[in-house]
Amino acid sequence: CVATFSGTGKPGYKDGPATNSQFQDPGSLTIDQQGNLYVVSPKTHRIRKIDPSGTVITFAGDGTQGDKNGPAL
């Protein structure tokens, strides 16, 4: 079974309710002990978080590529 958990199905960048959010080429996923899902988006240089209530926020990154001397996550 395949289902849409978050996103509109159209590529883009938009935080908010999971049903209205947008992602651009989502990559790796992980879940923490509180049930938050983290989605890596390498092309947009962001990590997004989807909380158990279904809200999407930008957890890390501002859309600009970092550098080797920048802060680590």
C-alpha atoms as a PDB file:
ATOM      1  CA  CYS A   1       0.000   0.000   0.000  1.00  0.00           C
ATOM      2  CA  VAL A   2       1.340   3.425  -0.939  1.00  0.00           C
ATOM      3  CA  ALA A   3      -0.204   6.575   0.494  1.00  0.00           C
ATOM      4  CA  THR A   4       0.642  10.270   0.587  1.00  0.00           C
ATOM      5  CA  PHE A   5       1.609  11.165   4.145  1.00  0.00           C
ATOM      6  CA  SER A   6       2.561  14.763   3.479  1.00  0.00           C
ATOM      7  CA  GLY A   7       2.743  17.081   0.513  1.00  0.00           C
ATOM      8  CA  THR A   8       0.508  18.106  -2.341  1.00  0.00           C
ATOM      9  CA  GLY A   9       2.234  15.945  -4.930  1.00  0.00           C
ATOM     10  CA  LYS A  10       3.621  19.047  -6.648  1.00  0.00           C
ATOM     11  CA  PRO A  11       7.300  19.932  -6.181  1.00  0.00           C
ATOM     12  CA  GLY A  12       8.057  23.079  -4.224  1.00  0.00           C
ATOM     13  CA  TYR A  13       8.774  24.407  -0.767  1.00  0.00           C
ATOM     14  CA  LYS A  14       5.973  25.146   1.679  1.00  0.00           C
ATOM     15  CA  ASP A  15       5.660  24.586   5.437  1.00  0.00           C
ATOM     16  CA  GLY A  16       2.361  24.263   7.294  1.00  0.00           C
ATOM     17  CA  PRO A  17      -0.270  21.538   7.518  1.00  0.00           C
ATOM     18  CA  ALA A  18       1.042  18.303   5.989  1.00  0.00           C
ATOM     19  CA  THR A  19      -1.808  18.190   3.468  1.00  0.00           C
ATOM     20  CA  ASN A  20      -0.782  21.603   2.054  1.00  0.00           C
ATOM     21  CA  SER A  21       3.003  21.278   2.343  1.00  0.00           C
ATOM     22  CA  GLN A  22       5.394  20.945  -0.574  1.00  0.00           C
ATOM     23  CA  PHE A  23       8.746  19.179  -0.901  1.00  0.00           C
ATOM     24  CA  GLN A  24      11.433  19.343  -3.584  1.00  0.00           C
ATOM     25  CA  ASP A  25      13.163  15.992  -4.191  1.00  0.00           C
ATOM     26  CA  PRO A  26      12.853  14.570  -0.659  1.00  0.00           C
ATOM     27  CA  GLY A  27      15.653  12.203   0.283  1.00  0.00           C
ATOM     28  CA  SER A  28      16.535  10.340   3.457  1.00  0.00           C
ATOM     29  CA  LEU A  29      14.004   9.925   6.263  1.00  0.00           C
ATOM     30  CA  THR A  30      14.333   9.264   9.983  1.00  0.00           C
ATOM     31  CA  ILE A  31      11.964   9.221  12.961  1.00  0.00           C
ATOM     32  CA  ASP A  32      12.816  10.309  16.502  1.00  0.00           C
ATOM     33  CA  GLN A  33      11.481   8.912  19.787  1.00  0.00           C
ATOM     34  CA  GLN A  34       8.743  11.566  19.916  1.00  0.00           C
ATOM     35  CA  GLY A  35       7.347  10.444  16.558  1.00  0.00           C
ATOM     36  CA  ASN A  36       8.681  13.369  14.511  1.00  0.00           C
ATOM     37  CA  LEU A  37       9.609  12.484  10.941  1.00  0.00           C
ATOM     38  CA  TYR A  38      12.645  14.268   9.468  1.00  0.00           C
ATOM     39  CA  VAL A  39      12.971  14.611   5.697  1.00  0.00           C
ATOM     40  CA  VAL A  40      16.273  15.587   4.088  1.00  0.00           C
ATOM     41  CA  SER A  41      15.945  17.734   0.981  1.00  0.00           C
ATOM     42  CA  PRO A  42      19.448  17.969  -0.518  1.00  0.00           C
ATOM     43  CA  LYS A  43      18.469  20.132  -3.486  1.00  0.00           C
ATOM     44  CA  THR A  44      16.915  22.792  -1.242  1.00  0.00           C
ATOM     45  CA  HIS A  45      19.581  22.455   1.475  1.00  0.00           C
ATOM     46  CA  ARG A  46      17.008  21.914   4.212  1.00  0.00           C
ATOM     47  CA  ILE A  47      15.860  19.357   6.750  1.00  0.00           C
ATOM     48  CA  ARG A  48      12.116  19.398   7.259  1.00  0.00           C
ATOM     49  CA  LYS A  49      10.262  18.059  10.290  1.00  0.00           C
ATOM     50  CA  ILE A  50       6.753  16.621  10.290  1.00  0.00           C
ATOM     51  CA  ASP A  51       5.397  16.397  13.820  1.00  0.00           C
ATOM     52  CA  PRO A  52       2.807  13.836  14.987  1.00  0.00           C
ATOM     53  CA  SER A  53       0.002  16.400  14.590  1.00  0.00           C
ATOM     54  CA  GLY A  54       0.852  16.730  10.876  1.00  0.00           C
ATOM     55  CA  THR A  55       2.583  20.112  10.856  1.00  0.00           C
ATOM     56  CA  VAL A  56       5.601  20.591   8.586  1.00  0.00           C
ATOM     57  CA  ILE A  57       8.351  23.030   9.585  1.00  0.00           C
ATOM     58  CA  THR A  58      11.849  23.747   8.356  1.00  0.00           C
ATOM     59  CA  PHE A  59      14.049  22.197  11.042  1.00  0.00           C
ATOM     60  CA  ALA A  60      17.435  23.202   9.611  1.00  0.00           C
ATOM     61  CA  GLY A  61      18.803  25.083   6.631  1.00  0.00           C
ATOM     62  CA  ASP A  62      17.826  28.268   4.877  1.00  0.00           C
ATOM     63  CA  GLY A  63      17.999  27.190   1.266  1.00  0.00           C
ATOM     64  CA  THR A  64      21.621  28.162   0.752  1.00  0.00           C
ATOM     65  CA  GLN A  65      24.394  25.648   0.341  1.00  0.00           C
ATOM     66  CA  GLY A  66      26.785  25.419   3.281  1.00  0.00           C
ATOM     67  CA  ASP A  67      30.525  25.169   3.155  1.00  0.00           C
ATOM     68  CA  LYS A  68      33.204  23.053   4.776  1.00  0.00           C
ATOM     69  CA  ASN A  69      33.793  25.703   7.456  1.00  0.00           C
ATOM     70  CA  GLY A  70      30.114  26.230   8.258  1.00  0.00           C
ATOM     71  CA  PRO A  71      28.204  24.992  11.313  1.00  0.00           C
ATOM     72  CA  ALA A  72      27.468  21.280  11.589  1.00  0.00           C
ATOM     73  CA  LEU A  73      24.025  19.848  12.179  1.00  0.00           C
END
